[in-house]
């Protein structure tokens, strides 16, 4: 699958049944040695004027359970 095919997909946490973002608004953490995706980094944004404030959710690639036509289903453990 190409990165362009992932763009625009909605990211959903199956345990909490909540929407975390859209992949176009998400960064990928890539291993520089082998080019493999290690994690999705999803911003939790709050807008105050022109500045973004918020934390990030880092989801290891092995927590992705299914990539469908419209969404990416994640299974994030409570500890993370």
C-alpha atoms as a PDB file:
ATOM      1  CA  UNK A   1       0.000   0.000   0.000  1.00  0.00           C
ATOM      2  CA  UNK A   2       1.284   3.441  -0.867  1.00  0.00           C
ATOM      3  CA  UNK A   3       1.289   6.399   1.504  1.00  0.00           C
ATOM      4  CA  UNK A   4      -1.015   8.273  -0.869  1.00  0.00           C
ATOM      5  CA  UNK A   5      -3.597   5.491  -0.419  1.00  0.00           C
ATOM      6  CA  UNK A   6      -3.509   5.982   3.368  1.00  0.00           C
ATOM      7  CA  UNK A   7      -4.049   9.729   3.182  1.00  0.00           C
ATOM      8  CA  UNK A   8      -7.518  10.918   4.152  1.00  0.00           C
ATOM      9  CA  UNK A   9      -8.505   7.792   6.077  1.00  0.00           C
ATOM     10  CA  UNK A  10     -10.212   8.283   9.418  1.00  0.00           C
ATOM     11  CA  UNK A  11      -8.363   6.832  12.430  1.00  0.00           C
ATOM     12  CA  UNK A  12     -10.615   5.086  14.981  1.00  0.00           C
ATOM     13  CA  UNK A  13      -9.772   3.479  18.338  1.00  0.00           C
ATOM     14  CA  UNK A  14     -11.835   0.284  18.579  1.00  0.00           C
ATOM     15  CA  UNK A  15     -11.717   0.035  22.411  1.00  0.00           C
ATOM     16  CA  UNK A  16     -12.875   3.583  23.104  1.00  0.00           C
ATOM     17  CA  UNK A  17     -14.991   3.793  19.926  1.00  0.00           C
ATOM     18  CA  UNK A  18     -13.678   7.282  19.296  1.00  0.00           C
ATOM     19  CA  UNK A  19     -12.326   9.124  16.298  1.00  0.00           C
ATOM     20  CA  UNK A  20      -8.692  10.158  16.715  1.00  0.00           C
ATOM     21  CA  UNK A  21      -8.138  12.078  13.497  1.00  0.00           C
ATOM     22  CA  UNK A  22      -7.606  11.817   9.778  1.00  0.00           C
ATOM     23  CA  UNK A  23      -4.351  10.512   8.368  1.00  0.00           C
ATOM     24  CA  UNK A  24      -3.689  13.703   6.407  1.00  0.00           C
ATOM     25  CA  UNK A  25      -3.436  15.447   9.799  1.00  0.00           C
ATOM     26  CA  UNK A  26      -1.140  12.774  11.181  1.00  0.00           C
ATOM     27  CA  UNK A  27       2.610  12.280  11.077  1.00  0.00           C
ATOM     28  CA  UNK A  28       4.345   8.990  10.482  1.00  0.00           C
ATOM     29  CA  UNK A  29       7.398   7.882  12.443  1.00  0.00           C
ATOM     30  CA  UNK A  30       9.668   6.081   9.973  1.00  0.00           C
ATOM     31  CA  UNK A  31      12.783   4.034  10.684  1.00  0.00           C
ATOM     32  CA  UNK A  32      15.590   5.713   8.746  1.00  0.00           C
ATOM     33  CA  UNK A  33      17.532   2.465   8.303  1.00  0.00           C
ATOM     34  CA  UNK A  34      14.908   0.293   6.616  1.00  0.00           C
ATOM     35  CA  UNK A  35      12.132   2.777   5.720  1.00  0.00           C
ATOM     36  CA  UNK A  36       9.482   0.903   7.717  1.00  0.00           C
ATOM     37  CA  UNK A  37       6.699   2.822   9.441  1.00  0.00           C
ATOM     38  CA  UNK A  38       7.109   2.489  13.207  1.00  0.00           C
ATOM     39  CA  UNK A  39       4.209   4.559  14.495  1.00  0.00           C
ATOM     40  CA  UNK A  40       1.458   7.039  13.762  1.00  0.00           C
ATOM     41  CA  UNK A  41       1.763  10.329  15.655  1.00  0.00           C
ATOM     42  CA  UNK A  42      -1.707  11.829  16.002  1.00  0.00           C
ATOM     43  CA  UNK A  43      -1.992  15.430  17.235  1.00  0.00           C
ATOM     44  CA  UNK A  44      -4.768  16.308  19.671  1.00  0.00           C
ATOM     45  CA  UNK A  45      -5.198  19.925  18.654  1.00  0.00           C
ATOM     46  CA  UNK A  46      -6.727  22.851  20.415  1.00  0.00           C
ATOM     47  CA  UNK A  47      -6.698  26.152  18.542  1.00  0.00           C
ATOM     48  CA  UNK A  48      -6.059  29.381  20.415  1.00  0.00           C
ATOM     49  CA  UNK A  49      -5.835  32.157  17.866  1.00  0.00           C
ATOM     50  CA  UNK A  50      -3.229  31.085  15.327  1.00  0.00           C
ATOM     51  CA  UNK A  51      -1.262  28.728  17.575  1.00  0.00           C
ATOM     52  CA  UNK A  52      -1.807  25.017  18.026  1.00  0.00           C
ATOM     53  CA  UNK A  53      -1.701  23.677  21.566  1.00  0.00           C
ATOM     54  CA  UNK A  54      -2.076  20.072  22.535  1.00  0.00           C
ATOM     55  CA  UNK A  55      -0.456  16.740  23.034  1.00  0.00           C
ATOM     56  CA  UNK A  56       0.258  13.912  20.657  1.00  0.00           C
ATOM     57  CA  UNK A  57      -0.834  10.300  20.683  1.00  0.00           C
ATOM     58  CA  UNK A  58       1.875   7.906  19.477  1.00  0.00           C
ATOM     59  CA  UNK A  59       0.440   4.658  18.162  1.00  0.00           C
ATOM     60  CA  UNK A  60       2.922   1.872  17.331  1.00  0.00           C
ATOM     61  CA  UNK A  61       2.310   0.322  13.921  1.00  0.00           C
ATOM     62  CA  UNK A  62       1.577  -3.094  15.479  1.00  0.00           C
ATOM     63  CA  UNK A  63      -1.558  -1.607  17.123  1.00  0.00           C
ATOM     64  CA  UNK A  64      -3.186  -1.153  13.715  1.00  0.00           C
ATOM     65  CA  UNK A  65      -5.743  -3.937  13.372  1.00  0.00           C
ATOM     66  CA  UNK A  66      -7.319  -3.170  10.002  1.00  0.00           C
ATOM     67  CA  UNK A  67      -6.909  -0.689   7.161  1.00  0.00           C
ATOM     68  CA  UNK A  68     -10.141  -0.364   5.197  1.00  0.00           C
ATOM     69  CA  UNK A  69     -11.352   1.811   2.335  1.00  0.00           C
ATOM     70  CA  UNK A  70     -12.358   4.684   4.637  1.00  0.00           C
ATOM     71  CA  UNK A  71     -10.761   4.061   8.017  1.00  0.00           C
ATOM     72  CA  UNK A  72      -7.869   2.685   9.983  1.00  0.00           C
ATOM     73  CA  UNK A  73      -8.905   0.671  13.048  1.00  0.00           C
ATOM     74  CA  UNK A  74      -6.545   0.800  16.042  1.00  0.00           C
ATOM     75  CA  UNK A  75      -6.417  -1.250  19.216  1.00  0.00           C
ATOM     76  CA  UNK A  76      -4.603   0.933  21.728  1.00  0.00           C
ATOM     77  CA  UNK A  77      -3.910  -0.531  25.163  1.00  0.00           C
ATOM     78  CA  UNK A  78      -4.845   1.531  28.213  1.00  0.00           C
ATOM     79  CA  UNK A  79      -1.215   1.770  29.365  1.00  0.00           C
ATOM     80  CA  UNK A  80      -0.153   3.686  26.262  1.00  0.00           C
END
